[in-house]
Amino acid sequence: MESNTINYKEEILKSGIMLAGVSIIITMLTYMINIELMVEWWFGILSLIISVGLLIYLGINYRNSIGGILSYGNALKYSILVMIVSYVIGICFQILLYTVIDPDLPEVMTDLSIEKSVEMMERFGAPQEAIDASIPAIEEAIINSTTVSGILKSSPWGLLFVGLFSLFTAIFIKRNEPVSDRMN
């Protein structure tokens, strides 16, 4: 395919929407099946692996659609832009989830997070005083991460992770032109 038939902005938007859509579907399925999974450490890692894998897949498809060659810099640019589109959609979804779909969810997640944290601290043999002292910090962190202002305040940190994961995914998306060892 010729690269001039590909609309770059359209590809970025389409890929970003697909990435966000998969993340939203995973979140909503988890919400409907068992909310407790949303506070499991392995669930976050699994969601991240799925997102990174999907981004790499989308990036390779994009690379192939423009002729199969994509520099690391252009792969990084593609990855960052797709993740930013997905991230903005994700922020809007989080605000919608915590304020409209289920305004009681932050409280449920706070209780579940405290329960999981206390279980983990007890397994590691933490003294009861340390466990009791950590509960207010856990409550505050969950409440701050589920309010509109808290979600917006944490956005710059999310953009940092967008950049870091883009650096990683661009490695798999890029493909340099083949180099011939023959002399002409």
Protein backbone atom coordinates (compact mmCIF):
# COMPACT_ATOMS: atom_id res chain seq x y z
CA MET A 1 0.00 0.00 0.00
CA GLU A 2 1.13 3.50 -0.61
CA SER A 3 1.61 5.58 2.48
CA ASN A 4 -0.35 8.48 0.98
CA THR A 5 -3.59 6.46 1.17
CA ILE A 6 -3.33 6.23 4.95
CA ASN A 7 -4.80 9.05 7.02
CA TYR A 8 -2.41 9.30 9.99
CA LYS A 9 -4.82 11.16 12.29
CA GLU A 10 -7.60 8.72 11.50
CA GLU A 11 -5.32 5.75 12.27
CA ILE A 12 -4.28 7.32 15.59
CA LEU A 13 -7.89 8.01 16.60
CA LYS A 14 -9.10 4.58 15.50
CA SER A 15 -6.32 2.79 17.38
CA GLY A 16 -6.75 4.97 20.49
CA ILE A 17 -10.49 4.34 20.55
CA MET A 18 -9.94 0.59 20.11
CA LEU A 19 -7.39 0.52 22.93
CA ALA A 20 -9.69 2.50 25.23
CA GLY A 21 -12.68 0.36 24.22
CA VAL A 22 -10.93 -2.86 25.18
CA SER A 23 -9.90 -1.38 28.52
CA ILE A 24 -13.45 -0.17 29.19
CA ILE A 25 -14.91 -3.56 28.26
CA ILE A 26 -12.48 -5.33 30.61
CA THR A 27 -13.37 -2.91 33.41
CA MET A 28 -17.12 -3.24 32.89
CA LEU A 29 -17.00 -7.04 32.64
CA THR A 30 -15.00 -7.15 35.85
CA TYR A 31 -17.42 -4.71 37.48
CA MET A 32 -20.40 -6.87 36.49
CA ILE A 33 -18.81 -10.24 37.30
CA ASN A 34 -16.96 -9.50 40.54
CA ILE A 35 -15.97 -6.04 41.79
CA GLU A 36 -13.41 -7.60 44.13
CA LEU A 37 -11.21 -8.39 41.13
CA MET A 38 -10.78 -4.66 40.52
CA VAL A 39 -8.57 -4.35 43.63
CA GLU A 40 -6.45 -7.45 43.00
CA TRP A 41 -2.82 -6.65 42.15
CA TRP A 42 -2.70 -9.25 39.40
CA PHE A 43 -5.76 -7.78 37.70
CA GLY A 44 -3.97 -4.50 37.15
CA ILE A 45 -0.94 -6.28 35.74
CA LEU A 46 -3.12 -8.43 33.46
CA SER A 47 -4.96 -5.35 32.18
CA LEU A 48 -1.63 -3.65 31.52
CA ILE A 49 -0.28 -6.67 29.62
CA ILE A 50 -3.44 -6.81 27.49
CA SER A 51 -3.20 -3.08 26.73
CA VAL A 52 0.49 -3.22 25.84
CA GLY A 53 -0.06 -6.31 23.69
CA LEU A 54 -2.96 -4.67 21.88
CA LEU A 55 -0.96 -1.48 21.31
CA ILE A 56 1.90 -3.49 19.81
CA TYR A 57 -0.56 -5.37 17.60
CA LEU A 58 -2.19 -2.14 16.42
CA GLY A 59 1.20 -0.56 15.84
CA ILE A 60 2.43 -3.49 13.75
CA ASN A 61 -0.77 -3.35 11.70
CA TYR A 62 -0.23 0.36 11.16
CA ARG A 63 3.41 -0.22 10.19
CA ASN A 64 2.39 -2.91 7.71
CA SER A 65 -0.32 -0.68 6.22
CA ILE A 66 2.25 2.01 5.39
CA GLY A 67 4.70 -0.31 3.69
CA GLY A 68 6.28 -2.31 6.50
CA ILE A 69 9.01 0.15 7.48
CA LEU A 70 8.70 2.45 10.49
CA SER A 71 11.55 4.11 12.35
CA TYR A 72 11.76 3.94 16.12
CA GLY A 73 11.00 7.67 16.33
CA ASN A 74 7.85 7.35 14.25
CA ALA A 75 6.82 4.19 16.12
CA LEU A 76 7.29 6.11 19.39
CA LYS A 77 5.24 9.03 18.08
CA TYR A 78 2.47 6.65 16.96
CA SER A 79 2.49 4.82 20.31
CA ILE A 80 2.41 8.00 22.39
CA LEU A 81 -0.43 9.54 20.40
CA VAL A 82 -2.53 6.35 20.49
CA MET A 83 -1.99 6.02 24.23
CA ILE A 84 -2.89 9.67 24.83
CA VAL A 85 -6.16 9.25 22.93
CA SER A 86 -6.88 6.09 24.93
CA TYR A 87 -5.88 7.78 28.19
CA VAL A 88 -8.19 10.77 27.66
CA ILE A 89 -11.09 8.44 26.86
CA GLY A 90 -10.20 6.36 29.92
CA ILE A 91 -10.24 9.42 32.17
CA CYS A 92 -13.68 10.37 30.87
CA PHE A 93 -14.87 6.80 31.47
CA GLN A 94 -13.49 6.75 35.04
CA ILE A 95 -15.27 10.00 35.85
CA LEU A 96 -18.48 8.59 34.37
CA LEU A 97 -18.08 5.30 36.27
CA TYR A 98 -17.44 6.91 39.66
CA THR A 99 -19.95 9.75 39.41
CA VAL A 100 -22.83 8.51 37.22
CA ILE A 101 -22.78 4.72 36.74
CA ASP A 102 -22.02 3.83 40.36
CA PRO A 103 -21.39 6.71 42.79
CA ASP A 104 -21.07 4.13 45.62
CA LEU A 105 -18.21 2.30 43.89
CA PRO A 106 -15.43 4.40 45.50
CA GLU A 107 -16.66 3.40 48.96
CA VAL A 108 -16.87 -0.27 47.95
CA MET A 109 -13.37 -0.13 46.47
CA THR A 110 -12.05 1.58 49.60
CA ASP A 111 -13.43 -1.19 51.81
CA LEU A 112 -12.07 -3.90 49.51
CA SER A 113 -8.66 -2.23 49.26
CA ILE A 114 -8.39 -1.91 53.03
CA GLU A 115 -9.38 -5.54 53.45
CA LYS A 116 -6.78 -6.73 50.89
CA SER A 117 -4.07 -4.49 52.32
CA VAL A 118 -4.69 -5.66 55.87
CA GLU A 119 -4.60 -9.31 54.74
CA MET A 120 -1.29 -8.75 52.96
CA MET A 121 0.26 -6.86 55.87
CA GLU A 122 -0.82 -9.60 58.28
CA ARG A 123 0.74 -12.24 56.00
CA PHE A 124 4.03 -10.33 56.13
CA GLY A 125 3.79 -10.11 59.92
CA ALA A 126 3.28 -6.37 60.23
CA PRO A 127 2.46 -5.18 63.75
CA GLN A 128 -1.14 -4.16 64.39
CA GLU A 129 -0.08 -0.56 65.07
CA ALA A 130 1.42 -0.31 61.57
CA ILE A 131 -1.70 -1.85 60.04
CA ASP A 132 -3.97 0.56 61.91
CA ALA A 133 -1.77 3.52 60.92
CA SER A 134 -1.91 2.60 57.21
CA ILE A 135 -5.71 2.44 56.96
CA PRO A 136 -6.34 6.23 56.81
CA ALA A 137 -3.73 6.59 54.06
CA ILE A 138 -5.39 3.81 52.04
CA GLU A 139 -8.80 5.42 52.48
CA GLU A 140 -7.49 8.81 51.40
CA ALA A 141 -5.67 7.37 48.37
CA ILE A 142 -8.78 5.58 47.09
CA ILE A 143 -11.05 8.55 47.67
CA ASN A 144 -8.54 10.87 45.95
CA SER A 145 -8.24 8.52 42.96
CA THR A 146 -11.99 8.22 42.43
CA THR A 147 -13.14 11.84 42.64
CA VAL A 148 -13.20 14.04 39.55
CA SER A 149 -10.56 16.35 40.98
CA GLY A 150 -8.44 13.40 42.12
CA ILE A 151 -8.59 11.76 38.71
CA LEU A 152 -7.63 15.02 37.01
CA LYS A 153 -4.81 15.71 39.51
CA SER A 154 -3.30 12.27 38.85
CA SER A 155 -3.42 12.75 35.07
CA PRO A 156 0.17 14.05 34.77
CA TRP A 157 1.43 10.86 36.42
CA GLY A 158 -0.59 8.86 33.93
CA LEU A 159 1.02 10.78 31.09
CA LEU A 160 4.44 9.84 32.49
CA PHE A 161 3.44 6.17 32.28
CA VAL A 162 2.11 6.74 28.76
CA GLY A 163 5.58 7.95 27.80
CA LEU A 164 7.37 5.07 29.49
CA PHE A 165 5.15 2.39 27.99
CA SER A 166 5.43 4.06 24.59
CA LEU A 167 9.21 3.84 24.79
CA PHE A 168 8.80 0.10 25.37
CA THR A 169 6.11 -0.64 22.78
CA ALA A 170 7.89 1.34 20.04
CA ILE A 171 10.71 -1.22 20.23
CA PHE A 172 8.32 -3.90 18.97
CA ILE A 173 6.49 -1.69 16.48
CA LYS A 174 9.51 -0.32 14.63
CA ARG A 175 11.10 -1.98 11.65
CA ASN A 176 14.16 -0.60 9.94
CA GLU A 177 14.90 -0.91 6.27
CA PRO A 178 16.90 -4.05 5.51
CA VAL A 179 20.60 -3.46 5.23
CA SER A 180 22.49 -5.22 2.49
CA ASP A 181 26.04 -6.35 3.11
CA ARG A 182 26.70 -6.43 -0.62
CA MET A 183 28.76 -3.72 -2.19
CA ASN A 184 27.47 -2.37 -5.47
